Each structure stands twice: as C-alpha cells, then as structure tokens.
Amino acid sequence: MFPADRPRRLRSTPAMRSLVRETRVDPSQLVLPMFVAEGLAEPRPIASMPGVVQHTRDSARRAYAEAAQLGLGGVMLFGVPEHKDAVGSGAIDPNGILNLAIADARAEVGDATVVMADLCLDEFTDHGHCGVLDAQGRVDNDATLEIYAQMGVVQAESGAHVVGPSGMMDGQVARIRAELDAAGHTDTVILAYAAKYASAFYGPFREAVDSSLQGDRRTYQQDPANAREAVREVLLDLAEGADIVMVKPALSYLDLIADVRREADVPVAAYNVSGEYSMVEAAAAQGWIDRDRAIDESVLSIRRAGADIVLTYWATEIAKRLR
C-alpha cells in the first residue's frame, strides 16, 4: 500500500542533497572569456552583454589577477584592434593587441592560472571572416592555415599556455601543431573548437569584438541540424593532435557535449556563449527569473552533460559565490 522506494529521503535537507550530489562546479573548471581592446582610456561596457566590458590593458591586468586569486581554471583572451585589413595582419604582429594582452596576462599571473588565446582571424579582418578570402570572395581554407600556423607561434612566444583555434578550417590542428613543434613550443596546448556551430547565439559577441562580418559563416561552421558530423569533426581534431576539444555553443547543444564526452579520451570543454549569457541577463532584468539560480543551473547543466571545462562570462561571479 506504500512505496517501497522513496528517493525523496535523499532530498530532505541541504546537507543531504549536498552529500549525494552527482555533479559539482569548482572554480578550477571555469574559464573567463575576456575582450581586450586597443586605444581605450577606460573599459567600455558592451550594451548587449550587461556586466561585460571591453578591457583596457590595465583593467585586464586587474581581471587576470582576480581570476588567479579566485582559483579560476583560466582566462580566454580576445583582441579588439583599432585597425583591420583583408588578411588580419594584426593577429601575427607581436605588438598587436591580442599578443600584448597575452604577454600582460602571463606577466601578471605566471602559471597561477592558464592563459588561453583565441586563434582566429575574425577580429582582425575587415570583412569579419575567420580566414582570408580568395578571388571569388570565399574563405580560402589552405591559405588561412598558413596564417593560423604563424599565429600559433606568435601567441606561444607571447606567453600563451593554450591556443584555441576557433575558425573551423579543415586541418587547422595539424598545421598549428606542426608549426608549434618546429618552433620548440612542444608544451603549448591546443584547445580545438572542434564542434563549432553556425549559431544565432553569437549575436552579442559580434558587438564585443566590433565585428566587421559581411555575410555569414555557414560554409565553414557546422549546420545546427547535424550531430554525427560533430563527432566526425572531433575525431579528426583528435587524430591531428588536439589536447582538448570544445563544443560551442553549449546550452542548445548539450546532447553534443554528451556525445563528444563518450567519444573523446581528452578533456572536453564547452563555451557558454554570449547569447546564452544575454538571454539570462535580459530575463532577470525584467524580474522573470531568479538570476543567480538560473546562472548556476545553466553552468551545472553544461557540466552534467559532460563538459570538464566551461567557458562562461559568469566565471568570476560563480567563483565568488562558491567561496
């Protein structure tokens, strides 16, 4: 007449729920994406991402130090240059804003937290694409690889512990790995954006990096309808030498995170992207949801799906709350 199994017993108190909790979030599993802009006198708020700014080099240094002090797993750096050109030459300039930000971060934190750098041309090209264009205006995969290889070496020499090729060019991991090793940077880690989708959820990011994008990226980023293709992309990157693989975006692709976790024998990262951030912030600003609980639940769901590492704009806030 009464249930034999009573799972509610294990939910009776906060201490009991904590004792049996299956998935946890620790600051060391979180990476803070940061935008460092050239030519700013003070940090510039990003309107579509409340609470996130384009940093000056000085304000970024303070953020690096705070990240290390809070025990964050790392920072992922994006550069916002004042000037762009067709081939993204600022990306391979040792004095370009991204490479200077890398050097600043490494000088500030040493090895206390992991310094990661986005390895892509989209912030540096005047057309906003992730690679150089051919005579027909299409992204030239193989010509782009040669620039990526140079970027990888410059970023490693600037102090990056991790380079993150995010352009979804075929063969990018192998080409970057070969160039890094040839230059003596055998310890530099490659975090491959292995399954990066042509998503609507990147909208606020375009403001954050002052994107000049003309057209779209559907010819090289993945079709949101495809799941098996993501696994294929991951396996190719692993075969080319990726040390960590990433799924981007995260919340609409939790099934892909789970699929990749089953297939990959390396750490799996997921990027809680700008649109996912902004939707929560916008709903919370209207009083429609409990902001802190929504943030925690979002990141917890990414971890529960199988991500070992979560890139999130809430990393610092979550780490403070966990303390």
C-alpha atoms as a PDB file:
ATOM      1  CA  MET A   1       0.000   0.000   0.000  1.00  0.00           C
ATOM      2  CA  PHE A   2       3.044   2.293   0.372  1.00  0.00           C
ATOM      3  CA  PRO A   3       6.012   2.873  -1.977  1.00  0.00           C
ATOM      4  CA  ALA A   4       8.992   0.655  -1.292  1.00  0.00           C
ATOM      5  CA  ASP A   5      11.382   3.144  -2.895  1.00  0.00           C
ATOM      6  CA  ARG A   6      11.446   6.678  -1.516  1.00  0.00           C
ATOM      7  CA  PRO A   7      14.070   8.736  -3.395  1.00  0.00           C
ATOM      8  CA  ARG A   8      12.847  11.817  -1.532  1.00  0.00           C
ATOM      9  CA  ARG A   9      14.762  10.623   1.522  1.00  0.00           C
ATOM     10  CA  LEU A  10      17.923  11.822  -0.210  1.00  0.00           C
ATOM     11  CA  ARG A  11      16.492  15.325  -0.716  1.00  0.00           C
ATOM     12  CA  SER A  12      15.364  16.000   2.831  1.00  0.00           C
ATOM     13  CA  THR A  13      17.924  18.628   3.892  1.00  0.00           C
ATOM     14  CA  PRO A  14      20.540  20.849   2.218  1.00  0.00           C
ATOM     15  CA  ALA A  15      23.286  18.740   3.811  1.00  0.00           C
ATOM     16  CA  MET A  16      21.746  15.518   2.484  1.00  0.00           C
ATOM     17  CA  ARG A  17      21.351  16.959  -1.011  1.00  0.00           C
ATOM     18  CA  SER A  18      24.976  18.102  -0.945  1.00  0.00           C
ATOM     19  CA  LEU A  19      26.161  14.694   0.230  1.00  0.00           C
ATOM     20  CA  VAL A  20      24.612  12.818  -2.706  1.00  0.00           C
ATOM     21  CA  ARG A  21      25.080  15.492  -5.395  1.00  0.00           C
ATOM     22  CA  GLU A  22      26.291  13.879  -8.616  1.00  0.00           C
ATOM     23  CA  THR A  23      27.647  16.936 -10.419  1.00  0.00           C
ATOM     24  CA  ARG A  24      29.608  19.816  -8.949  1.00  0.00           C
ATOM     25  CA  VAL A  25      31.090  23.055 -10.214  1.00  0.00           C
ATOM     26  CA  ASP A  26      34.509  24.167  -8.993  1.00  0.00           C
ATOM     27  CA  PRO A  27      36.254  27.442  -9.929  1.00  0.00           C
ATOM     28  CA  SER A  28      39.127  25.438 -11.405  1.00  0.00           C
ATOM     29  CA  GLN A  29      36.727  24.121 -14.063  1.00  0.00           C
ATOM     30  CA  LEU A  30      35.738  27.627 -15.218  1.00  0.00           C
ATOM     31  CA  VAL A  31      37.417  29.830 -17.822  1.00  0.00           C
ATOM     32  CA  LEU A  32      36.654  33.543 -18.159  1.00  0.00           C
ATOM     33  CA  PRO A  33      36.491  34.897 -21.737  1.00  0.00           C
ATOM     34  CA  MET A  34      37.847  38.460 -21.892  1.00  0.00           C
ATOM     35  CA  PHE A  35      37.968  41.179 -24.539  1.00  0.00           C
ATOM     36  CA  VAL A  36      40.990  43.478 -24.567  1.00  0.00           C
ATOM     37  CA  ALA A  37      40.662  46.492 -26.848  1.00  0.00           C
ATOM     38  CA  GLU A  38      43.240  48.774 -28.381  1.00  0.00           C
ATOM     39  CA  GLY A  39      43.080  52.509 -27.853  1.00  0.00           C
ATOM     40  CA  LEU A  40      40.700  52.692 -24.891  1.00  0.00           C
ATOM     41  CA  ALA A  41      41.274  55.069 -21.994  1.00  0.00           C
ATOM     42  CA  GLU A  42      38.855  53.144 -19.767  1.00  0.00           C
ATOM     43  CA  PRO A  43      36.820  49.928 -20.011  1.00  0.00           C
ATOM     44  CA  ARG A  44      33.920  50.154 -22.455  1.00  0.00           C
ATOM     45  CA  PRO A  45      30.635  48.442 -21.474  1.00  0.00           C
ATOM     46  CA  ILE A  46      29.148  46.058 -24.022  1.00  0.00           C
ATOM     47  CA  ALA A  47      25.481  47.051 -24.277  1.00  0.00           C
ATOM     48  CA  SER A  48      24.174  43.631 -25.278  1.00  0.00           C
ATOM     49  CA  MET A  49      26.146  41.888 -22.514  1.00  0.00           C
ATOM     50  CA  PRO A  50      25.387  43.715 -19.247  1.00  0.00           C
ATOM     51  CA  GLY A  51      28.295  43.418 -16.840  1.00  0.00           C
ATOM     52  CA  VAL A  52      30.851  42.554 -19.557  1.00  0.00           C
ATOM     53  CA  VAL A  53      33.300  45.122 -20.936  1.00  0.00           C
ATOM     54  CA  GLN A  54      35.991  45.643 -23.497  1.00  0.00           C
ATOM     55  CA  HIS A  55      39.016  45.971 -21.231  1.00  0.00           C
ATOM     56  CA  THR A  56      41.943  48.299 -21.415  1.00  0.00           C
ATOM     57  CA  ARG A  57      45.280  46.600 -20.892  1.00  0.00           C
ATOM     58  CA  ASP A  58      45.357  47.990 -17.345  1.00  0.00           C
ATOM     59  CA  SER A  59      41.850  46.880 -16.384  1.00  0.00           C
ATOM     60  CA  ALA A  60      42.549  43.487 -17.944  1.00  0.00           C
ATOM     61  CA  ARG A  61      45.612  43.072 -15.719  1.00  0.00           C
ATOM     62  CA  ARG A  62      43.425  43.523 -12.657  1.00  0.00           C
ATOM     63  CA  ALA A  63      40.981  40.951 -14.014  1.00  0.00           C
ATOM     64  CA  TYR A  64      43.792  38.432 -14.606  1.00  0.00           C
ATOM     65  CA  ALA A  65      44.977  38.857 -11.036  1.00  0.00           C
ATOM     66  CA  GLU A  66      41.448  38.410  -9.698  1.00  0.00           C
ATOM     67  CA  ALA A  67      40.960  35.274 -11.793  1.00  0.00           C
ATOM     68  CA  ALA A  68      44.113  33.754 -10.326  1.00  0.00           C
ATOM     69  CA  GLN A  69      43.171  34.786  -6.798  1.00  0.00           C
ATOM     70  CA  LEU A  70      39.737  33.162  -7.167  1.00  0.00           C
ATOM     71  CA  GLY A  71      41.246  29.934  -8.475  1.00  0.00           C
ATOM     72  CA  LEU A  72      39.686  30.089 -11.939  1.00  0.00           C
ATOM     73  CA  GLY A  73      40.935  27.495 -14.374  1.00  0.00           C
ATOM     74  CA  GLY A  74      41.927  30.115 -16.910  1.00  0.00           C
ATOM     75  CA  VAL A  75      41.203  33.185 -18.991  1.00  0.00           C
ATOM     76  CA  MET A  76      40.462  33.105 -22.732  1.00  0.00           C
ATOM     77  CA  LEU A  77      41.657  36.281 -24.434  1.00  0.00           C
ATOM     78  CA  PHE A  78      40.209  38.009 -27.482  1.00  0.00           C
ATOM     79  CA  GLY A  79      41.802  41.089 -29.027  1.00  0.00           C
ATOM     80  CA  VAL A  80      39.891  44.069 -30.410  1.00  0.00           C
ATOM     81  CA  PRO A  81      42.225  46.058 -32.699  1.00  0.00           C
ATOM     82  CA  GLU A  82      41.745  49.644 -33.865  1.00  0.00           C
ATOM     83  CA  HIS A  83      42.702  48.789 -37.431  1.00  0.00           C
ATOM     84  CA  LYS A  84      41.824  45.782 -39.596  1.00  0.00           C
ATOM     85  CA  ASP A  85      42.805  44.596 -43.063  1.00  0.00           C
ATOM     86  CA  ALA A  86      41.939  41.877 -45.538  1.00  0.00           C
ATOM     87  CA  VAL A  87      44.430  39.346 -44.161  1.00  0.00           C
ATOM     88  CA  GLY A  88      44.178  40.119 -40.453  1.00  0.00           C
ATOM     89  CA  SER A  89      47.828  41.118 -40.173  1.00  0.00           C
ATOM     90  CA  GLY A  90      47.359  42.365 -36.616  1.00  0.00           C
ATOM     91  CA  ALA A  91      46.911  38.772 -35.498  1.00  0.00           C
ATOM     92  CA  ILE A  92      50.530  37.876 -36.230  1.00  0.00           C
ATOM     93  CA  ASP A  93      52.066  41.168 -35.087  1.00  0.00           C
ATOM     94  CA  PRO A  94      53.905  40.576 -31.778  1.00  0.00           C
ATOM     95  CA  ASN A  95      52.844  44.111 -30.846  1.00  0.00           C
ATOM     96  CA  GLY A  96      49.228  43.540 -31.833  1.00  0.00           C
ATOM     97  CA  ILE A  97      46.653  43.964 -29.090  1.00  0.00           C
ATOM     98  CA  LEU A  98      45.952  40.257 -28.567  1.00  0.00           C
ATOM     99  CA  ASN A  99      49.602  39.299 -28.298  1.00  0.00           C
ATOM    100  CA  LEU A 100      50.290  42.181 -25.925  1.00  0.00           C
ATOM    101  CA  ALA A 101      47.324  41.072 -23.794  1.00  0.00           C
ATOM    102  CA  ILE A 102      48.743  37.548 -23.677  1.00  0.00           C
ATOM    103  CA  ALA A 103      52.108  38.880 -22.527  1.00  0.00           C
ATOM    104  CA  ASP A 104      50.413  41.072 -19.908  1.00  0.00           C
ATOM    105  CA  ALA A 105      48.413  38.132 -18.580  1.00  0.00           C
ATOM    106  CA  ARG A 106      51.413  35.845 -18.346  1.00  0.00           C
ATOM    107  CA  ALA A 107      53.447  38.555 -16.606  1.00  0.00           C
ATOM    108  CA  GLU A 108      50.602  39.118 -14.149  1.00  0.00           C
ATOM    109  CA  VAL A 109      49.728  35.518 -13.233  1.00  0.00           C
ATOM    110  CA  GLY A 110      52.681  33.394 -14.341  1.00  0.00           C
ATOM    111  CA  ASP A 111      51.478  29.817 -14.070  1.00  0.00           C
ATOM    112  CA  ALA A 112      48.874  30.517 -11.360  1.00  0.00           C
ATOM    113  CA  THR A 113      46.065  30.286 -13.907  1.00  0.00           C
ATOM    114  CA  VAL A 114      46.017  29.146 -17.521  1.00  0.00           C
ATOM    115  CA  VAL A 115      46.394  31.851 -20.162  1.00  0.00           C
ATOM    116  CA  MET A 116      44.431  30.923 -23.284  1.00  0.00           C
ATOM    117  CA  ALA A 117      44.235  32.823 -26.566  1.00  0.00           C
ATOM    118  CA  ASP A 118      41.655  32.725 -29.323  1.00  0.00           C
ATOM    119  CA  LEU A 119      43.406  31.734 -32.531  1.00  0.00           C
ATOM    120  CA  CYS A 120      41.247  33.119 -35.320  1.00  0.00           C
ATOM    121  CA  LEU A 121      41.266  35.995 -37.787  1.00  0.00           C
ATOM    122  CA  ASP A 122      37.698  37.263 -37.453  1.00  0.00           C
ATOM    123  CA  GLU A 123      38.563  40.058 -35.006  1.00  0.00           C
ATOM    124  CA  PHE A 124      41.382  41.236 -37.283  1.00  0.00           C
ATOM    125  CA  THR A 125      39.910  41.104 -40.807  1.00  0.00           C
ATOM    126  CA  ASP A 126      37.988  43.982 -42.360  1.00  0.00           C
ATOM    127  CA  HIS A 127      35.478  41.507 -43.833  1.00  0.00           C
ATOM    128  CA  GLY A 128      34.991  39.756 -40.489  1.00  0.00           C
ATOM    129  CA  HIS A 129      35.555  36.208 -41.688  1.00  0.00           C
ATOM    130  CA  CYS A 130      37.707  33.683 -39.864  1.00  0.00           C
ATOM    131  CA  GLY A 131      40.127  33.331 -42.752  1.00  0.00           C
ATOM    132  CA  VAL A 132      41.498  35.085 -45.810  1.00  0.00           C
ATOM    133  CA  LEU A 133      39.343  35.280 -48.921  1.00  0.00           C
ATOM    134  CA  ASP A 134      40.097  34.030 -52.431  1.00  0.00           C
ATOM    135  CA  ALA A 135      39.394  35.887 -55.678  1.00  0.00           C
ATOM    136  CA  GLN A 136      35.745  34.773 -55.566  1.00  0.00           C
ATOM    137  CA  GLY A 137      35.261  36.086 -52.021  1.00  0.00           C
ATOM    138  CA  ARG A 138      35.225  32.620 -50.432  1.00  0.00           C
ATOM    139  CA  VAL A 139      37.253  31.690 -47.361  1.00  0.00           C
ATOM    140  CA  ASP A 140      40.462  30.070 -48.591  1.00  0.00           C
ATOM    141  CA  ASN A 141      40.977  27.168 -46.181  1.00  0.00           C
ATOM    142  CA  ASP A 142      44.584  26.286 -47.008  1.00  0.00           C
ATOM    143  CA  ALA A 143      45.880  29.851 -47.240  1.00  0.00           C
ATOM    144  CA  THR A 144      44.255  30.522 -43.876  1.00  0.00           C
ATOM    145  CA  LEU A 145      46.074  27.566 -42.327  1.00  0.00           C
ATOM    146  CA  GLU A 146      49.416  29.189 -43.053  1.00  0.00           C
ATOM    147  CA  ILE A 147      48.391  32.317 -41.130  1.00  0.00           C
ATOM    148  CA  TYR A 148      46.975  30.225 -38.275  1.00  0.00           C
ATOM    149  CA  ALA A 149      50.316  28.435 -38.001  1.00  0.00           C
ATOM    150  CA  GLN A 150      52.104  31.782 -37.658  1.00  0.00           C
ATOM    151  CA  MET A 151      49.516  32.970 -35.129  1.00  0.00           C
ATOM    152  CA  GLY A 152      50.068  29.901 -33.001  1.00  0.00           C
ATOM    153  CA  VAL A 153      53.801  30.529 -32.763  1.00  0.00           C
ATOM    154  CA  VAL A 154      53.400  34.245 -32.004  1.00  0.00           C
ATOM    155  CA  GLN A 155      50.836  33.502 -29.297  1.00  0.00           C
ATOM    156  CA  ALA A 156      53.063  30.855 -27.735  1.00  0.00           C
ATOM    157  CA  GLU A 157      56.031  33.223 -27.812  1.00  0.00           C
ATOM    158  CA  SER A 158      53.859  35.903 -26.207  1.00  0.00           C
ATOM    159  CA  GLY A 159      53.215  33.540 -23.309  1.00  0.00           C
ATOM    160  CA  ALA A 160      50.007  31.620 -24.048  1.00  0.00           C
ATOM    161  CA  HIS A 161      49.769  28.285 -22.273  1.00  0.00           C
ATOM    162  CA  VAL A 162      46.908  27.317 -24.615  1.00  0.00           C
ATOM    163  CA  VAL A 163      45.992  28.346 -28.151  1.00  0.00           C
ATOM    164  CA  GLY A 164      42.382  27.928 -29.227  1.00  0.00           C
ATOM    165  CA  PRO A 165      41.883  27.597 -32.996  1.00  0.00           C
ATOM    166  CA  SER A 166      38.244  28.537 -33.472  1.00  0.00           C
ATOM    167  CA  GLY A 167      37.931  29.091 -37.220  1.00  0.00           C
ATOM    168  CA  MET A 168      36.746  25.582 -38.173  1.00  0.00           C
ATOM    169  CA  MET A 169      39.252  25.312 -41.007  1.00  0.00           C
ATOM    170  CA  ASP A 170      39.920  21.752 -42.142  1.00  0.00           C
ATOM    171  CA  GLY A 171      43.353  20.611 -40.965  1.00  0.00           C
ATOM    172  CA  GLN A 172      43.926  23.549 -38.604  1.00  0.00           C
ATOM    173  CA  VAL A 173      45.015  21.499 -35.604  1.00  0.00           C
ATOM    174  CA  ALA A 174      47.620  19.513 -37.530  1.00  0.00           C
ATOM    175  CA  ARG A 175      49.070  22.601 -39.205  1.00  0.00           C
ATOM    176  CA  ILE A 176      49.307  24.579 -35.954  1.00  0.00           C
ATOM    177  CA  ARG A 177      50.755  21.611 -34.047  1.00  0.00           C
ATOM    178  CA  ALA A 178      53.448  21.105 -36.671  1.00  0.00           C
ATOM    179  CA  GLU A 179      54.473  24.768 -36.582  1.00  0.00           C
ATOM    180  CA  LEU A 180      54.441  24.947 -32.782  1.00  0.00           C
ATOM    181  CA  ASP A 181      56.631  21.870 -32.504  1.00  0.00           C
ATOM    182  CA  ALA A 182      59.029  23.089 -35.182  1.00  0.00           C
ATOM    183  CA  ALA A 183      59.444  26.349 -33.240  1.00  0.00           C
ATOM    184  CA  GLY A 184      60.148  24.476 -29.997  1.00  0.00           C
ATOM    185  CA  HIS A 185      56.749  25.033 -28.382  1.00  0.00           C
ATOM    186  CA  THR A 186      56.030  21.385 -27.782  1.00  0.00           C
ATOM    187  CA  ASP A 187      54.375  22.113 -24.429  1.00  0.00           C
ATOM    188  CA  THR A 188      51.842  24.589 -25.818  1.00  0.00           C
ATOM    189  CA  VAL A 189      48.363  23.086 -25.565  1.00  0.00           C
ATOM    190  CA  ILE A 190      45.856  23.167 -28.420  1.00  0.00           C
ATOM    191  CA  LEU A 191      42.231  23.585 -27.369  1.00  0.00           C
ATOM    192  CA  ALA A 192      40.375  22.810 -30.577  1.00  0.00           C
ATOM    193  CA  TYR A 193      36.997  24.375 -31.231  1.00  0.00           C
ATOM    194  CA  ALA A 194      36.139  21.010 -32.724  1.00  0.00           C
ATOM    195  CA  ALA A 195      32.358  21.304 -32.977  1.00  0.00           C
ATOM    196  CA  LYS A 196      31.527  24.967 -33.526  1.00  0.00           C
ATOM    197  CA  TYR A 197      28.109  25.655 -34.960  1.00  0.00           C
ATOM    198  CA  ALA A 198      26.845  28.477 -37.194  1.00  0.00           C
ATOM    199  CA  SER A 199      24.658  29.721 -34.367  1.00  0.00           C
ATOM    200  CA  ALA A 200      22.307  32.632 -33.773  1.00  0.00           C
ATOM    201  CA  PHE A 201      23.572  32.764 -30.201  1.00  0.00           C
ATOM    202  CA  TYR A 202      26.780  34.602 -31.141  1.00  0.00           C
ATOM    203  CA  GLY A 203      24.993  37.913 -31.737  1.00  0.00           C
ATOM    204  CA  PRO A 204      26.246  39.853 -28.680  1.00  0.00           C
ATOM    205  CA  PHE A 205      29.792  38.584 -29.264  1.00  0.00           C
ATOM    206  CA  ARG A 206      29.806  40.464 -32.571  1.00  0.00           C
ATOM    207  CA  GLU A 207      29.372  43.695 -30.634  1.00  0.00           C
ATOM    208  CA  ALA A 208      32.004  42.639 -28.109  1.00  0.00           C
ATOM    209  CA  VAL A 209      34.700  42.295 -30.790  1.00  0.00           C
ATOM    210  CA  ASP A 210      33.455  45.122 -33.062  1.00  0.00           C
ATOM    211  CA  SER A 211      32.866  42.534 -35.782  1.00  0.00           C
ATOM    212  CA  SER A 212      33.027  43.601 -39.428  1.00  0.00           C
ATOM    213  CA  LEU A 213      31.330  40.426 -40.668  1.00  0.00           C
ATOM    214  CA  GLN A 214      29.889  40.542 -44.159  1.00  0.00           C
ATOM    215  CA  GLY A 215      27.621  37.593 -44.943  1.00  0.00           C
ATOM    216  CA  ASP A 216      27.692  34.542 -42.694  1.00  0.00           C
ATOM    217  CA  ARG A 217      29.940  31.616 -41.758  1.00  0.00           C
ATOM    218  CA  ARG A 218      27.732  28.707 -42.772  1.00  0.00           C
ATOM    219  CA  THR A 219      30.246  27.352 -45.282  1.00  0.00           C
ATOM    220  CA  TYR A 220      32.759  26.541 -42.536  1.00  0.00           C
ATOM    221  CA  GLN A 221      30.916  26.446 -39.203  1.00  0.00           C
ATOM    222  CA  GLN A 222      28.652  23.453 -38.605  1.00  0.00           C
ATOM    223  CA  ASP A 223      24.992  23.148 -39.516  1.00  0.00           C
ATOM    224  CA  PRO A 224      22.918  23.162 -36.288  1.00  0.00           C
ATOM    225  CA  ALA A 225      20.919  20.234 -37.680  1.00  0.00           C
ATOM    226  CA  ASN A 226      23.921  17.877 -37.657  1.00  0.00           C
ATOM    227  CA  ALA A 227      25.073  15.766 -34.725  1.00  0.00           C
ATOM    228  CA  ARG A 228      27.052  12.919 -36.285  1.00  0.00           C
ATOM    229  CA  GLU A 229      29.146  15.472 -38.138  1.00  0.00           C
ATOM    230  CA  ALA A 230      30.239  16.937 -34.799  1.00  0.00           C
ATOM    231  CA  VAL A 231      31.641  13.606 -33.697  1.00  0.00           C
ATOM    232  CA  ARG A 232      33.461  13.300 -37.022  1.00  0.00           C
ATOM    233  CA  GLU A 233      34.997  16.751 -36.557  1.00  0.00           C
ATOM    234  CA  VAL A 234      36.103  15.874 -33.023  1.00  0.00           C
ATOM    235  CA  LEU A 235      37.716  12.614 -34.114  1.00  0.00           C
ATOM    236  CA  LEU A 236      39.582  14.411 -36.902  1.00  0.00           C
ATOM    237  CA  ASP A 237      40.930  17.000 -34.446  1.00  0.00           C
ATOM    238  CA  LEU A 238      41.991  14.271 -32.036  1.00  0.00           C
ATOM    239  CA  ALA A 239      43.820  12.478 -34.829  1.00  0.00           C
ATOM    240  CA  GLU A 240      45.602  15.759 -35.644  1.00  0.00           C
ATOM    241  CA  GLY A 241      46.808  16.195 -32.068  1.00  0.00           C
ATOM    242  CA  ALA A 242      44.210  18.255 -30.201  1.00  0.00           C
ATOM    243  CA  ASP A 243      44.811  18.213 -26.442  1.00  0.00           C
ATOM    244  CA  ILE A 244      41.324  19.475 -25.519  1.00  0.00           C
ATOM    245  CA  VAL A 245      38.201  19.577 -27.691  1.00  0.00           C
ATOM    246  CA  MET A 246      35.321  22.026 -27.394  1.00  0.00           C
ATOM    247  CA  VAL A 247      31.642  22.250 -28.279  1.00  0.00           C
ATOM    248  CA  LYS A 248      30.254  25.733 -28.986  1.00  0.00           C
ATOM    249  CA  PRO A 249      27.577  26.889 -28.140  1.00  0.00           C
ATOM    250  CA  ALA A 250      26.730  24.914 -25.009  1.00  0.00           C
ATOM    251  CA  LEU A 251      23.123  25.144 -23.828  1.00  0.00           C
ATOM    252  CA  SER A 252      21.436  24.339 -27.149  1.00  0.00           C
ATOM    253  CA  TYR A 253      23.998  21.597 -27.790  1.00  0.00           C
ATOM    254  CA  LEU A 254      24.031  19.654 -24.526  1.00  0.00           C
ATOM    255  CA  ASP A 255      23.376  16.456 -26.500  1.00  0.00           C
ATOM    256  CA  LEU A 256      26.553  17.109 -28.476  1.00  0.00           C
ATOM    257  CA  ILE A 257      28.574  17.654 -25.313  1.00  0.00           C
ATOM    258  CA  ALA A 258      27.365  14.251 -24.098  1.00  0.00           C
ATOM    259  CA  ASP A 259      28.169  12.627 -27.464  1.00  0.00           C
ATOM    260  CA  VAL A 260      31.652  14.133 -27.535  1.00  0.00           C
ATOM    261  CA  ARG A 261      32.320  13.125 -23.926  1.00  0.00           C
ATOM    262  CA  ARG A 262      31.565   9.493 -24.864  1.00  0.00           C
ATOM    263  CA  GLU A 263      33.859   9.582 -27.899  1.00  0.00           C
ATOM    264  CA  ALA A 264      36.817  11.657 -26.693  1.00  0.00           C
ATOM    265  CA  ASP A 265      39.619  10.486 -24.424  1.00  0.00           C
ATOM    266  CA  VAL A 266      40.806  14.046 -23.736  1.00  0.00           C
ATOM    267  CA  PRO A 267      39.230  16.838 -21.658  1.00  0.00           C
ATOM    268  CA  VAL A 268      36.030  18.270 -23.150  1.00  0.00           C
ATOM    269  CA  ALA A 269      35.256  21.988 -22.964  1.00  0.00           C
ATOM    270  CA  ALA A 270      32.042  23.849 -23.755  1.00  0.00           C
ATOM    271  CA  TYR A 271      31.503  27.554 -24.382  1.00  0.00           C
ATOM    272  CA  ASN A 272      28.510  29.155 -22.639  1.00  0.00           C
ATOM    273  CA  VAL A 273      28.265  31.812 -25.353  1.00  0.00           C
ATOM    274  CA  SER A 274      27.246  35.459 -25.406  1.00  0.00           C
ATOM    275  CA  GLY A 275      23.642  34.935 -26.495  1.00  0.00           C
ATOM    276  CA  GLU A 276      23.087  32.398 -23.727  1.00  0.00           C
ATOM    277  CA  TYR A 277      24.518  34.900 -21.257  1.00  0.00           C
ATOM    278  CA  SER A 278      22.458  37.807 -22.552  1.00  0.00           C
ATOM    279  CA  MET A 279      19.155  35.912 -22.540  1.00  0.00           C
ATOM    280  CA  VAL A 280      19.506  35.126 -18.840  1.00  0.00           C
ATOM    281  CA  GLU A 281      20.570  38.677 -18.027  1.00  0.00           C
ATOM    282  CA  ALA A 282      17.679  40.164 -20.012  1.00  0.00           C
ATOM    283  CA  ALA A 283      15.056  37.909 -18.418  1.00  0.00           C
ATOM    284  CA  ALA A 284      16.466  38.551 -14.959  1.00  0.00           C
ATOM    285  CA  ALA A 285      16.414  42.317 -15.549  1.00  0.00           C
ATOM    286  CA  GLN A 286      12.667  42.001 -16.205  1.00  0.00           C
ATOM    287  CA  GLY A 287      12.206  40.063 -12.980  1.00  0.00           C
ATOM    288  CA  TRP A 288      11.017  36.999 -14.887  1.00  0.00           C
ATOM    289  CA  ILE A 289      13.578  34.553 -13.474  1.00  0.00           C
ATOM    290  CA  ASP A 290      15.809  34.185 -10.416  1.00  0.00           C
ATOM    291  CA  ARG A 291      19.114  35.367 -11.889  1.00  0.00           C
ATOM    292  CA  ASP A 292      21.577  33.600  -9.583  1.00  0.00           C
ATOM    293  CA  ARG A 293      19.734  30.290  -9.696  1.00  0.00           C
ATOM    294  CA  ALA A 294      19.435  30.488 -13.494  1.00  0.00           C
ATOM    295  CA  ILE A 295      23.169  31.135 -13.825  1.00  0.00           C
ATOM    296  CA  ASP A 296      24.083  28.263 -11.535  1.00  0.00           C
ATOM    297  CA  GLU A 297      21.640  25.894 -13.235  1.00  0.00           C
ATOM    298  CA  SER A 298      22.910  26.818 -16.698  1.00  0.00           C
ATOM    299  CA  VAL A 299      26.542  26.088 -15.862  1.00  0.00           C
ATOM    300  CA  LEU A 300      25.648  22.987 -13.853  1.00  0.00           C
ATOM    301  CA  SER A 301      23.736  21.599 -16.846  1.00  0.00           C
ATOM    302  CA  ILE A 302      26.814  22.021 -19.042  1.00  0.00           C
ATOM    303  CA  ARG A 303      28.912  20.144 -16.500  1.00  0.00           C
ATOM    304  CA  ARG A 304      26.226  17.454 -16.117  1.00  0.00           C
ATOM    305  CA  ALA A 305      26.191  16.906 -19.884  1.00  0.00           C
ATOM    306  CA  GLY A 306      29.883  16.001 -19.663  1.00  0.00           C
ATOM    307  CA  ALA A 307      31.988  19.148 -20.022  1.00  0.00           C
ATOM    308  CA  ASP A 308      35.141  19.113 -17.928  1.00  0.00           C
ATOM    309  CA  ILE A 309      35.772  22.800 -18.643  1.00  0.00           C
ATOM    310  CA  VAL A 310      33.208  25.578 -19.054  1.00  0.00           C
ATOM    311  CA  LEU A 311      33.992  28.915 -20.662  1.00  0.00           C
ATOM    312  CA  THR A 312      31.499  31.390 -19.214  1.00  0.00           C
ATOM    313  CA  TYR A 313      31.238  35.143 -18.747  1.00  0.00           C
ATOM    314  CA  TRP A 314      29.923  34.404 -15.241  1.00  0.00           C
ATOM    315  CA  ALA A 315      33.126  32.600 -14.198  1.00  0.00           C
ATOM    316  CA  THR A 316      34.295  35.248 -11.718  1.00  0.00           C
ATOM    317  CA  GLU A 317      30.835  35.685 -10.205  1.00  0.00           C
ATOM    318  CA  ILE A 318      30.306  31.956  -9.805  1.00  0.00           C
ATOM    319  CA  ALA A 319      33.730  31.517  -8.217  1.00  0.00           C
ATOM    320  CA  LYS A 320      32.956  34.243  -5.670  1.00  0.00           C
ATOM    321  CA  ARG A 321      29.640  32.594  -4.850  1.00  0.00           C
ATOM    322  CA  LEU A 322      31.263  29.188  -4.460  1.00  0.00           C
ATOM    323  CA  ARG A 323      33.681  30.647  -1.905  1.00  0.00           C
END
